[in-house]
Protein backbone atom coordinates (compact mmCIF):
# COMPACT_ATOMS: atom_id res chain seq x y z
CA MET A 1 -0.48 -15.75 -11.95
CA VAL A 2 2.73 -14.48 -13.60
CA TYR A 3 5.53 -12.67 -11.61
CA LEU A 4 8.68 -10.84 -12.64
CA LEU A 5 11.45 -12.20 -10.34
CA ILE A 6 13.75 -9.67 -9.02
CA GLN A 7 16.57 -9.61 -6.59
CA ILE A 8 17.36 -7.33 -3.61
CA GLY A 9 20.68 -8.22 -1.90
CA ALA A 10 20.81 -11.84 -1.63
CA ASP A 11 17.16 -12.54 -1.69
CA ARG A 12 14.67 -13.07 -4.36
CA TYR A 13 11.25 -10.95 -4.69
CA ALA A 14 8.41 -11.11 -6.97
CA LEU A 15 6.33 -8.30 -8.68
CA GLU A 16 2.99 -9.37 -9.90
CA ALA A 17 3.11 -8.98 -13.81
CA ALA A 18 -0.58 -7.77 -13.88
CA GLY A 19 0.81 -4.42 -12.39
CA LEU A 20 3.62 -4.04 -14.77
CA ALA A 21 3.32 -1.66 -17.84
CA PHE A 22 7.01 -2.33 -19.24
CA VAL A 23 10.51 -3.64 -18.59
CA LEU A 24 13.14 -1.55 -20.05
CA PRO A 25 17.06 -1.46 -19.91
CA LYS A 26 18.46 0.83 -17.35
CA VAL A 27 18.37 4.34 -18.50
CA ARG A 28 20.27 7.55 -17.37
CA LEU A 29 18.13 9.25 -14.69
CA LYS A 30 18.07 12.89 -13.71
CA HIS A 31 18.63 13.47 -9.94
CA ILE A 32 15.77 14.82 -7.93
CA PRO A 33 16.94 17.11 -5.06
CA GLN A 34 15.89 16.46 -1.56
CA ALA A 35 13.96 13.41 -2.70
CA ALA A 36 12.89 10.60 -0.34
CA LEU A 37 14.99 7.75 0.47
CA GLY A 38 15.14 5.36 -2.24
CA VAL A 39 14.22 7.76 -5.07
CA ALA A 40 16.87 7.25 -7.86
CA GLY A 41 15.61 10.14 -9.97
CA VAL A 42 13.34 10.74 -13.00
CA PHE A 43 13.17 10.27 -16.78
CA ASN A 44 11.25 11.33 -19.63
CA TYR A 45 9.07 8.64 -21.14
CA HIS A 46 7.41 9.57 -24.17
CA GLY A 47 7.00 13.09 -22.96
CA GLN A 48 5.86 12.00 -19.22
CA PRO A 49 8.14 12.62 -16.30
CA VAL A 50 8.47 9.27 -14.70
CA PRO A 51 9.92 9.21 -11.21
CA VAL A 52 12.23 5.83 -10.50
CA VAL A 53 12.47 4.32 -6.98
CA ASP A 54 15.70 1.98 -6.69
CA LEU A 55 14.41 -1.12 -4.62
CA SER A 56 17.91 -2.08 -3.30
CA ALA A 57 18.30 1.69 -2.05
CA LEU A 58 14.87 1.51 -0.46
CA ALA A 59 15.11 -1.87 1.30
CA LEU A 60 18.91 -2.02 1.98
CA GLY A 61 20.21 1.51 1.76
CA SER A 62 22.50 0.82 -0.96
CA PRO A 63 21.99 1.41 -4.75
CA ALA A 64 21.20 -1.42 -7.28
CA GLN A 65 24.29 -2.75 -8.82
CA ASP A 66 24.90 -1.41 -12.57
CA SER A 67 24.81 -4.80 -14.38
CA MET A 68 23.17 -6.29 -17.59
CA SER A 69 20.46 -7.94 -15.70
CA THR A 70 19.51 -4.44 -13.88
CA ARG A 71 16.17 -3.17 -15.47
CA LEU A 72 13.80 -0.38 -15.20
CA VAL A 73 10.64 -1.78 -14.49
CA LEU A 74 7.69 0.45 -15.31
CA VAL A 75 4.45 -0.36 -13.03
CA HIS A 76 1.01 1.17 -12.83
CA TYR A 77 0.97 2.88 -9.45
CA PRO A 78 -2.18 3.88 -7.72
CA CYS A 79 -2.40 7.29 -6.54
CA ALA A 80 -4.84 8.95 -3.92
CA ASP A 81 -6.98 10.33 -6.46
CA GLY A 82 -7.92 6.73 -7.82
CA GLN A 83 -5.88 7.34 -10.97
CA GLU A 84 -2.74 5.23 -11.84
CA ARG A 85 0.64 7.00 -12.95
CA LEU A 86 3.75 5.20 -14.15
CA LEU A 87 6.48 4.59 -11.55
CA GLY A 88 9.84 3.13 -12.69
CA LEU A 89 11.45 0.59 -10.30
CA LEU A 90 15.08 0.04 -10.58
CA ALA A 91 15.52 -3.71 -10.15
CA GLU A 92 18.22 -6.29 -10.24
CA LYS A 93 18.29 -9.54 -12.01
CA ALA A 94 14.79 -8.76 -13.46
CA THR A 95 15.20 -11.35 -16.10
CA GLU A 96 12.94 -14.13 -15.17
CA THR A 97 9.21 -14.83 -14.58
CA ALA A 98 7.45 -17.47 -12.51
CA ARG A 99 3.98 -18.79 -12.02
CA TYR A 100 2.41 -18.87 -8.63
CA GLU A 101 -1.09 -18.93 -7.44
CA SER A 102 -1.98 -16.12 -5.08
CA GLY A 103 -2.83 -18.82 -2.59
CA ASP A 104 0.50 -20.34 -2.72
CA PHE A 105 1.79 -17.20 -0.72
CA GLN A 106 1.69 -17.34 3.13
CA PRO A 107 2.50 -14.76 5.64
CA PRO A 108 6.22 -14.31 6.24
CA GLY A 109 6.05 -15.02 9.92
CA VAL A 110 8.12 -12.14 10.61
CA SER A 111 6.78 -8.70 11.31
CA THR A 112 8.32 -5.87 9.53
CA PRO A 113 7.00 -2.46 10.72
CA GLY A 114 7.72 0.57 8.26
CA VAL A 115 8.29 -1.81 5.28
CA ARG A 116 4.75 -2.15 4.21
CA TYR A 117 5.56 -3.20 0.72
CA LEU A 118 6.95 -6.62 1.77
CA GLY A 119 4.03 -9.12 1.23
CA PRO A 120 3.62 -12.85 1.91
CA VAL A 121 6.14 -15.47 0.91
CA VAL A 122 6.18 -18.55 -1.18
CA HIS A 123 8.70 -21.46 -1.34
CA ASP A 124 9.99 -23.00 -4.67
CA ALA A 125 12.69 -25.37 -5.70
CA ARG A 126 15.44 -22.46 -5.10
CA GLY A 127 13.88 -21.29 -1.74
CA LEU A 128 11.88 -18.44 -0.53
CA VAL A 129 10.54 -15.71 -2.74
CA GLN A 130 8.55 -12.62 -1.11
CA ARG A 131 6.11 -10.71 -2.91
CA VAL A 132 6.36 -6.91 -3.30
CA GLU A 133 3.15 -5.09 -2.82
CA ILE A 134 3.52 -2.43 -5.56
CA GLY A 135 0.79 -0.01 -4.18
CA GLN A 136 2.61 -0.06 -0.74
CA LEU A 137 6.12 1.06 -1.84
CA LEU A 138 5.46 4.86 -1.34
CA THR A 139 4.35 6.42 1.98
CA PRO A 140 1.14 8.80 1.38
CA GLU A 141 3.54 11.64 2.02
CA VAL A 142 6.25 10.67 -0.70
CA ARG A 143 3.42 9.52 -3.03
CA GLU A 144 1.74 13.11 -2.79
CA ALA A 145 5.08 14.97 -3.45
CA LEU A 146 6.80 12.60 -5.80
CA TRP A 147 5.32 13.30 -9.23
CA GLN A 148 5.43 16.96 -8.64
CA GLN A 149 8.98 16.94 -7.92
CA ALA A 150 9.59 14.72 -11.02
CA GLU A 151 7.84 17.34 -13.05
CA GLU A 152 9.77 20.24 -11.72
CA ALA A 153 13.08 18.20 -12.06
CA ILE A 154 12.75 17.52 -16.04
């Protein structure tokens, strides 16, 4: 399987390419008032409001760096009604891919309650890479409100 490698802080993470729609340059976002932790804003993508989660802000509490390698990764996010919606992920150093087999990933050995989106890890020549479970990024409460908030903000 192919993965897009990203960085959060000093650590590397992997997003499964099969769940990705597009990788775009960073765009200007509109703020969503009273949005949940990690929600960076919303932007209009071909007439459709797309909420954006800043992975650095979600995981570390500080926003992603504004650099040339910071990208807006659009993913197919599974919703409660069984449909998928586009969700933007602001990700640093999203310029490299790697190929791993699903069996290469092993449990991390550390429990992270409340951080359901951090999955198993794989070791490569540069160290550990942890898989981000895209479908677990949002809590059910945030998932239910986010797209409505995004539509109201645009």
